[in-house]
Amino acid sequence: MNKKGFTLVEILVFIAIFTLVSIAIFNVFSFSQIFYSEKTIQSELLQNGRVILERITREIRQGEAIVTQLPQVPDNPENQPLPEIEFQDGHTPSPYEYLDSDYYYIRYYFSSSTNELFRQYKVYCFDPCESCNNYFRWDDTRLEGEETIHTHGCVLEEKIIGEYVKDLNFWGNGLINVSLTLKNRDQELNFQTKIFGRNF
């Protein structure tokens, strides 16, 4: 009676082929996972950048006056673009209309320590913020004896409106330039836009 089985050579060939096929399948799976992860991160950065720029653009366009003294050009080493901007809110009604102020201010600023973009909503007072009932322009002054007193900002609210921010810069006068860089892991996206203020 003949007994049939696999020879040692056949078993080794089978193991080699099985190993090669397994490695190929694993590589395809790993590549697809990496590709999917990169596209997900890129999509998240793109969406985050659009939301940030759309909000900043909309509010600056409606702004009544720019408070921040911005440089005219982005490449002057003695007057670098700023990572923040403040302007008088032009939207009505204000969410804090009950304060009965004629002047509300919005400030966007980038925190390099947290890589987040913050939005502040402010008023300006002469009195301490906790007891302030009268509100003024950001550049108002008054005399107390021989001393000139300037208004100071009181923050009504502060919110995070963007994350993964690597860099943010503002420059220009009348036509405001915005440069935004977002980064997550090894993915990085750059955005730039120009904003023409309707009221300043």
C-alpha atoms as a PDB file:
ATOM      1  CA  MET A   1       0.000   0.000   0.000  1.00  0.00           C
ATOM      2  CA  ASN A   2       1.418   3.358  -1.125  1.00  0.00           C
ATOM      3  CA  LYS A   3       1.314   6.212   1.403  1.00  0.00           C
ATOM      4  CA  LYS A   4       1.231   9.679  -0.127  1.00  0.00           C
ATOM      5  CA  GLY A   5       2.261  12.809   1.737  1.00  0.00           C
ATOM      6  CA  PHE A   6       4.120  16.077   1.370  1.00  0.00           C
ATOM      7  CA  THR A   7       7.816  16.019   0.942  1.00  0.00           C
ATOM      8  CA  LEU A   8      10.048  18.320   2.944  1.00  0.00           C
ATOM      9  CA  VAL A   9      10.712  20.423  -0.158  1.00  0.00           C
ATOM     10  CA  GLU A  10       6.987  20.873  -0.808  1.00  0.00           C
ATOM     11  CA  ILE A  11       6.380  21.943   2.787  1.00  0.00           C
ATOM     12  CA  LEU A  12       9.214  24.474   2.642  1.00  0.00           C
ATOM     13  CA  VAL A  13       7.926  25.871  -0.670  1.00  0.00           C
ATOM     14  CA  PHE A  14       4.411  26.170   0.789  1.00  0.00           C
ATOM     15  CA  ILE A  15       5.710  27.952   3.911  1.00  0.00           C
ATOM     16  CA  ALA A  16       7.758  30.355   1.763  1.00  0.00           C
ATOM     17  CA  ILE A  17       4.776  31.191  -0.497  1.00  0.00           C
ATOM     18  CA  PHE A  18       2.431  31.552   2.487  1.00  0.00           C
ATOM     19  CA  THR A  19       4.921  33.868   4.213  1.00  0.00           C
ATOM     20  CA  LEU A  20       5.331  36.055   1.109  1.00  0.00           C
ATOM     21  CA  VAL A  21       1.557  36.327   0.591  1.00  0.00           C
ATOM     22  CA  SER A  22       1.015  37.152   4.274  1.00  0.00           C
ATOM     23  CA  ILE A  23       3.688  39.864   4.177  1.00  0.00           C
ATOM     24  CA  ALA A  24       2.150  41.346   1.003  1.00  0.00           C
ATOM     25  CA  ILE A  25      -1.344  41.385   2.533  1.00  0.00           C
ATOM     26  CA  PHE A  26      -0.020  42.951   5.751  1.00  0.00           C
ATOM     27  CA  ASN A  27       1.857  45.641   3.782  1.00  0.00           C
ATOM     28  CA  VAL A  28      -1.229  46.512   1.733  1.00  0.00           C
ATOM     29  CA  PHE A  29      -3.330  46.715   4.907  1.00  0.00           C
ATOM     30  CA  SER A  30      -0.730  48.852   6.708  1.00  0.00           C
ATOM     31  CA  PHE A  31      -0.373  51.195   3.736  1.00  0.00           C
ATOM     32  CA  SER A  32      -4.141  51.625   3.458  1.00  0.00           C
ATOM     33  CA  GLN A  33      -4.369  52.395   7.204  1.00  0.00           C
ATOM     34  CA  ILE A  34      -1.576  54.986   6.969  1.00  0.00           C
ATOM     35  CA  PHE A  35      -3.140  56.541   3.864  1.00  0.00           C
ATOM     36  CA  TYR A  36      -6.557  56.702   5.539  1.00  0.00           C
ATOM     37  CA  SER A  37      -5.078  58.229   8.698  1.00  0.00           C
ATOM     38  CA  GLU A  38      -3.170  60.878   6.720  1.00  0.00           C
ATOM     39  CA  LYS A  39      -6.252  61.801   4.674  1.00  0.00           C
ATOM     40  CA  THR A  40      -8.353  62.016   7.845  1.00  0.00           C
ATOM     41  CA  ILE A  41      -5.847  64.367   9.489  1.00  0.00           C
ATOM     42  CA  GLN A  42      -5.556  66.448   6.316  1.00  0.00           C
ATOM     43  CA  SER A  43      -9.330  66.697   6.041  1.00  0.00           C
ATOM     44  CA  GLU A  44      -9.604  67.752   9.694  1.00  0.00           C
ATOM     45  CA  LEU A  45      -6.964  70.452   9.222  1.00  0.00           C
ATOM     46  CA  LEU A  46      -8.666  71.709   6.068  1.00  0.00           C
ATOM     47  CA  GLN A  47     -12.043  71.916   7.778  1.00  0.00           C
ATOM     48  CA  ASN A  48     -10.552  73.594  10.851  1.00  0.00           C
ATOM     49  CA  GLY A  49      -8.714  76.155   8.704  1.00  0.00           C
ATOM     50  CA  ARG A  50     -11.844  77.015   6.726  1.00  0.00           C
ATOM     51  CA  VAL A  51     -13.915  77.498   9.856  1.00  0.00           C
ATOM     52  CA  ILE A  52     -11.266  79.748  11.430  1.00  0.00           C
ATOM     53  CA  LEU A  53     -10.778  81.939   8.359  1.00  0.00           C
ATOM     54  CA  GLU A  54     -14.493  82.213   7.590  1.00  0.00           C
ATOM     55  CA  ARG A  55     -15.237  83.433  11.093  1.00  0.00           C
ATOM     56  CA  ILE A  56     -12.338  85.886  11.227  1.00  0.00           C
ATOM     57  CA  THR A  57     -13.138  87.181   7.729  1.00  0.00           C
ATOM     58  CA  ARG A  58     -16.829  87.705   8.478  1.00  0.00           C
ATOM     59  CA  GLU A  59     -16.197  89.606  11.704  1.00  0.00           C
ATOM     60  CA  ILE A  60     -13.366  91.789  10.407  1.00  0.00           C
ATOM     61  CA  ARG A  61     -15.442  92.760   7.357  1.00  0.00           C
ATOM     62  CA  GLN A  62     -18.164  94.021   9.687  1.00  0.00           C
ATOM     63  CA  GLY A  63     -15.708  95.673  12.090  1.00  0.00           C
ATOM     64  CA  GLU A  64     -15.997  99.386  12.765  1.00  0.00           C
ATOM     65  CA  ALA A  65     -12.322 100.090  13.471  1.00  0.00           C
ATOM     66  CA  ILE A  66      -9.065  98.164  13.850  1.00  0.00           C
ATOM     67  CA  VAL A  67      -7.537  98.597  17.311  1.00  0.00           C
ATOM     68  CA  THR A  68      -4.293  96.680  16.717  1.00  0.00           C
ATOM     69  CA  GLN A  69      -1.518  98.626  14.994  1.00  0.00           C
ATOM     70  CA  LEU A  70      -0.585  96.175  12.256  1.00  0.00           C
ATOM     71  CA  PRO A  71       2.596  96.363  10.162  1.00  0.00           C
ATOM     72  CA  GLN A  72       2.141  97.281   6.503  1.00  0.00           C
ATOM     73  CA  VAL A  73       4.231  94.453   5.032  1.00  0.00           C
ATOM     74  CA  PRO A  74       4.997  90.876   6.155  1.00  0.00           C
ATOM     75  CA  ASP A  75       8.749  90.956   5.650  1.00  0.00           C
ATOM     76  CA  ASN A  76      10.001  93.927   7.635  1.00  0.00           C
ATOM     77  CA  PRO A  77      12.360  92.487  10.288  1.00  0.00           C
ATOM     78  CA  GLU A  78      11.845  95.558  12.493  1.00  0.00           C
ATOM     79  CA  ASN A  79       8.047  95.356  12.344  1.00  0.00           C
ATOM     80  CA  GLN A  80       6.940  91.727  12.106  1.00  0.00           C
ATOM     81  CA  PRO A  81       3.338  90.611  11.464  1.00  0.00           C
ATOM     82  CA  LEU A  82       1.364  90.074  14.673  1.00  0.00           C
ATOM     83  CA  PRO A  83      -0.225  86.842  15.932  1.00  0.00           C
ATOM     84  CA  GLU A  84      -3.320  88.747  17.077  1.00  0.00           C
ATOM     85  CA  ILE A  85      -5.847  91.330  15.984  1.00  0.00           C
ATOM     86  CA  GLU A  86      -8.424  93.404  17.844  1.00  0.00           C
ATOM     87  CA  PHE A  87     -11.214  95.433  16.300  1.00  0.00           C
ATOM     88  CA  GLN A  88     -14.490  97.110  17.188  1.00  0.00           C
ATOM     89  CA  ASP A  89     -17.445  94.794  16.667  1.00  0.00           C
ATOM     90  CA  GLY A  90     -19.756  95.981  13.908  1.00  0.00           C
ATOM     91  CA  HIS A  91     -22.499  93.396  14.361  1.00  0.00           C
ATOM     92  CA  THR A  92     -25.780  94.474  15.888  1.00  0.00           C
ATOM     93  CA  PRO A  93     -27.309  93.566  18.157  1.00  0.00           C
ATOM     94  CA  SER A  94     -24.423  92.585  20.373  1.00  0.00           C
ATOM     95  CA  PRO A  95     -24.842  89.437  22.515  1.00  0.00           C
ATOM     96  CA  TYR A  96     -24.106  91.755  25.477  1.00  0.00           C
ATOM     97  CA  GLU A  97     -26.501  94.489  24.413  1.00  0.00           C
ATOM     98  CA  TYR A  98     -28.002  94.531  27.921  1.00  0.00           C
ATOM     99  CA  LEU A  99     -24.809  96.282  29.081  1.00  0.00           C
ATOM    100  CA  ASP A 100     -25.961  99.281  27.015  1.00  0.00           C
ATOM    101  CA  SER A 101     -22.482  99.992  25.658  1.00  0.00           C
ATOM    102  CA  ASP A 102     -21.906 101.723  22.334  1.00  0.00           C
ATOM    103  CA  TYR A 103     -18.577  99.944  21.910  1.00  0.00           C
ATOM    104  CA  TYR A 104     -17.805  96.229  21.895  1.00  0.00           C
ATOM    105  CA  TYR A 105     -14.517  94.698  20.804  1.00  0.00           C
ATOM    106  CA  ILE A 106     -13.350  91.358  19.434  1.00  0.00           C
ATOM    107  CA  ARG A 107      -9.810  90.051  19.832  1.00  0.00           C
ATOM    108  CA  TYR A 108      -8.361  86.997  18.120  1.00  0.00           C
ATOM    109  CA  TYR A 109      -5.032  85.728  19.363  1.00  0.00           C
ATOM    110  CA  PHE A 110      -2.883  82.659  18.920  1.00  0.00           C
ATOM    111  CA  SER A 111      -1.373  80.822  21.900  1.00  0.00           C
ATOM    112  CA  SER A 112       1.884  79.107  20.917  1.00  0.00           C
ATOM    113  CA  SER A 113       1.897  77.165  24.199  1.00  0.00           C
ATOM    114  CA  THR A 114      -1.391  75.368  23.465  1.00  0.00           C
ATOM    115  CA  ASN A 115      -1.507  75.722  19.646  1.00  0.00           C
ATOM    116  CA  GLU A 116      -5.036  77.088  19.943  1.00  0.00           C
ATOM    117  CA  LEU A 117      -6.763  80.164  18.567  1.00  0.00           C
ATOM    118  CA  PHE A 118      -8.781  82.184  21.079  1.00  0.00           C
ATOM    119  CA  ARG A 119     -11.560  84.723  20.606  1.00  0.00           C
ATOM    120  CA  GLN A 120     -12.235  87.336  23.252  1.00  0.00           C
ATOM    121  CA  TYR A 121     -15.241  89.619  23.470  1.00  0.00           C
ATOM    122  CA  LYS A 122     -14.437  92.831  25.363  1.00  0.00           C
ATOM    123  CA  VAL A 123     -15.496  96.244  26.542  1.00  0.00           C
ATOM    124  CA  TYR A 124     -13.294  99.100  27.763  1.00  0.00           C
ATOM    125  CA  CYS A 125     -13.659 100.833  31.122  1.00  0.00           C
ATOM    126  CA  PHE A 126     -11.993 103.347  33.373  1.00  0.00           C
ATOM    127  CA  ASP A 127     -13.253 101.610  36.520  1.00  0.00           C
ATOM    128  CA  PRO A 128     -12.168  98.124  37.671  1.00  0.00           C
ATOM    129  CA  CYS A 129     -13.774  95.416  35.542  1.00  0.00           C
ATOM    130  CA  GLU A 130     -15.739  93.872  38.418  1.00  0.00           C
ATOM    131  CA  SER A 131     -17.480  97.188  39.149  1.00  0.00           C
ATOM    132  CA  CYS A 132     -17.553  98.726  35.660  1.00  0.00           C
ATOM    133  CA  ASN A 133     -20.954 100.125  34.619  1.00  0.00           C
ATOM    134  CA  ASN A 134     -19.881 102.731  32.070  1.00  0.00           C
ATOM    135  CA  TYR A 135     -18.164 101.738  28.846  1.00  0.00           C
ATOM    136  CA  PHE A 136     -15.965 103.722  26.482  1.00  0.00           C
ATOM    137  CA  ARG A 137     -13.881 103.525  23.338  1.00  0.00           C
ATOM    138  CA  TRP A 138     -10.598 101.638  23.541  1.00  0.00           C
ATOM    139  CA  ASP A 139      -8.580 104.848  23.094  1.00  0.00           C
ATOM    140  CA  ASP A 140     -10.578 107.178  25.358  1.00  0.00           C
ATOM    141  CA  THR A 141      -8.720 109.071  28.070  1.00  0.00           C
ATOM    142  CA  ARG A 142      -9.599 111.316  30.985  1.00  0.00           C
ATOM    143  CA  LEU A 143      -7.691 113.597  33.295  1.00  0.00           C
ATOM    144  CA  GLU A 144      -7.448 112.905  37.001  1.00  0.00           C
ATOM    145  CA  GLY A 145      -5.548 115.837  38.446  1.00  0.00           C
ATOM    146  CA  GLU A 146      -2.531 116.077  36.173  1.00  0.00           C
ATOM    147  CA  GLU A 147      -2.533 112.414  35.228  1.00  0.00           C
ATOM    148  CA  THR A 148      -3.992 111.094  31.962  1.00  0.00           C
ATOM    149  CA  ILE A 149      -5.915 107.866  32.528  1.00  0.00           C
ATOM    150  CA  HIS A 150      -6.482 105.412  29.660  1.00  0.00           C
ATOM    151  CA  THR A 151      -9.307 102.917  29.387  1.00  0.00           C
ATOM    152  CA  HIS A 152      -8.474  99.245  29.950  1.00  0.00           C
ATOM    153  CA  GLY A 153     -10.015  96.130  28.448  1.00  0.00           C
ATOM    154  CA  CYS A 154     -12.478  93.939  30.343  1.00  0.00           C
ATOM    155  CA  VAL A 155     -13.020  90.473  28.864  1.00  0.00           C
ATOM    156  CA  LEU A 156     -16.676  89.430  28.789  1.00  0.00           C
ATOM    157  CA  GLU A 157     -16.009  86.008  27.295  1.00  0.00           C
ATOM    158  CA  GLU A 158     -13.134  83.956  25.909  1.00  0.00           C
ATOM    159  CA  LYS A 159     -13.517  80.881  23.724  1.00  0.00           C
ATOM    160  CA  ILE A 160     -11.279  78.500  21.809  1.00  0.00           C
ATOM    161  CA  ILE A 161     -12.310  78.593  18.164  1.00  0.00           C
ATOM    162  CA  GLY A 162      -9.483  76.620  16.559  1.00  0.00           C
ATOM    163  CA  GLU A 163      -6.868  73.997  17.342  1.00  0.00           C
ATOM    164  CA  TYR A 164      -3.714  72.606  15.706  1.00  0.00           C
ATOM    165  CA  VAL A 165      -2.579  76.190  15.018  1.00  0.00           C
ATOM    166  CA  LYS A 166       1.147  76.357  14.333  1.00  0.00           C
ATOM    167  CA  ASP A 167       1.302  79.997  13.241  1.00  0.00           C
ATOM    168  CA  LEU A 168      -1.000  82.981  12.703  1.00  0.00           C
ATOM    169  CA  ASN A 169      -0.063  86.406  11.366  1.00  0.00           C
ATOM    170  CA  PHE A 170      -1.890  89.628  10.543  1.00  0.00           C
ATOM    171  CA  TRP A 171      -0.587  92.629   8.592  1.00  0.00           C
ATOM    172  CA  GLY A 172      -1.852  95.440   6.359  1.00  0.00           C
ATOM    173  CA  ASN A 173      -4.011  98.538   6.662  1.00  0.00           C
ATOM    174  CA  GLY A 174      -7.469  98.741   5.089  1.00  0.00           C
ATOM    175  CA  LEU A 175      -6.756  95.454   3.341  1.00  0.00           C
ATOM    176  CA  ILE A 176      -5.958  93.013   6.154  1.00  0.00           C
ATOM    177  CA  ASN A 177      -3.770  90.030   5.269  1.00  0.00           C
ATOM    178  CA  VAL A 178      -4.104  86.818   7.245  1.00  0.00           C
ATOM    179  CA  SER A 179      -1.648  83.920   7.132  1.00  0.00           C
ATOM    180  CA  LEU A 180      -2.628  80.740   8.992  1.00  0.00           C
ATOM    181  CA  THR A 181      -0.647  77.508   9.379  1.00  0.00           C
ATOM    182  CA  LEU A 182      -2.169  74.390  10.931  1.00  0.00           C
ATOM    183  CA  LYS A 183      -0.219  71.268  11.878  1.00  0.00           C
ATOM    184  CA  ASN A 184      -1.183  67.886  13.280  1.00  0.00           C
ATOM    185  CA  ARG A 185       1.470  65.162  13.544  1.00  0.00           C
ATOM    186  CA  ASP A 186       3.446  65.387  10.292  1.00  0.00           C
ATOM    187  CA  GLN A 187       0.628  66.988   8.292  1.00  0.00           C
ATOM    188  CA  GLU A 188       0.789  70.746   7.726  1.00  0.00           C
ATOM    189  CA  LEU A 189      -1.512  73.100   5.780  1.00  0.00           C
ATOM    190  CA  ASN A 190      -1.070  76.783   4.974  1.00  0.00           C
ATOM    191  CA  PHE A 191      -3.891  79.248   4.366  1.00  0.00           C
ATOM    192  CA  GLN A 192      -3.800  82.872   3.272  1.00  0.00           C
ATOM    193  CA  THR A 193      -6.531  85.403   2.667  1.00  0.00           C
ATOM    194  CA  LYS A 194      -7.085  89.151   2.314  1.00  0.00           C
ATOM    195  CA  ILE A 195      -9.938  90.930   4.063  1.00  0.00           C
ATOM    196  CA  PHE A 196     -11.282  94.284   2.993  1.00  0.00           C
ATOM    197  CA  GLY A 197     -13.004  96.090   5.839  1.00  0.00           C
ATOM    198  CA  ARG A 198     -16.270  97.725   4.854  1.00  0.00           C
ATOM    199  CA  ASN A 199     -16.255 100.313   7.618  1.00  0.00           C
ATOM    200  CA  PHE A 200     -12.608 101.296   8.134  1.00  0.00           C
END
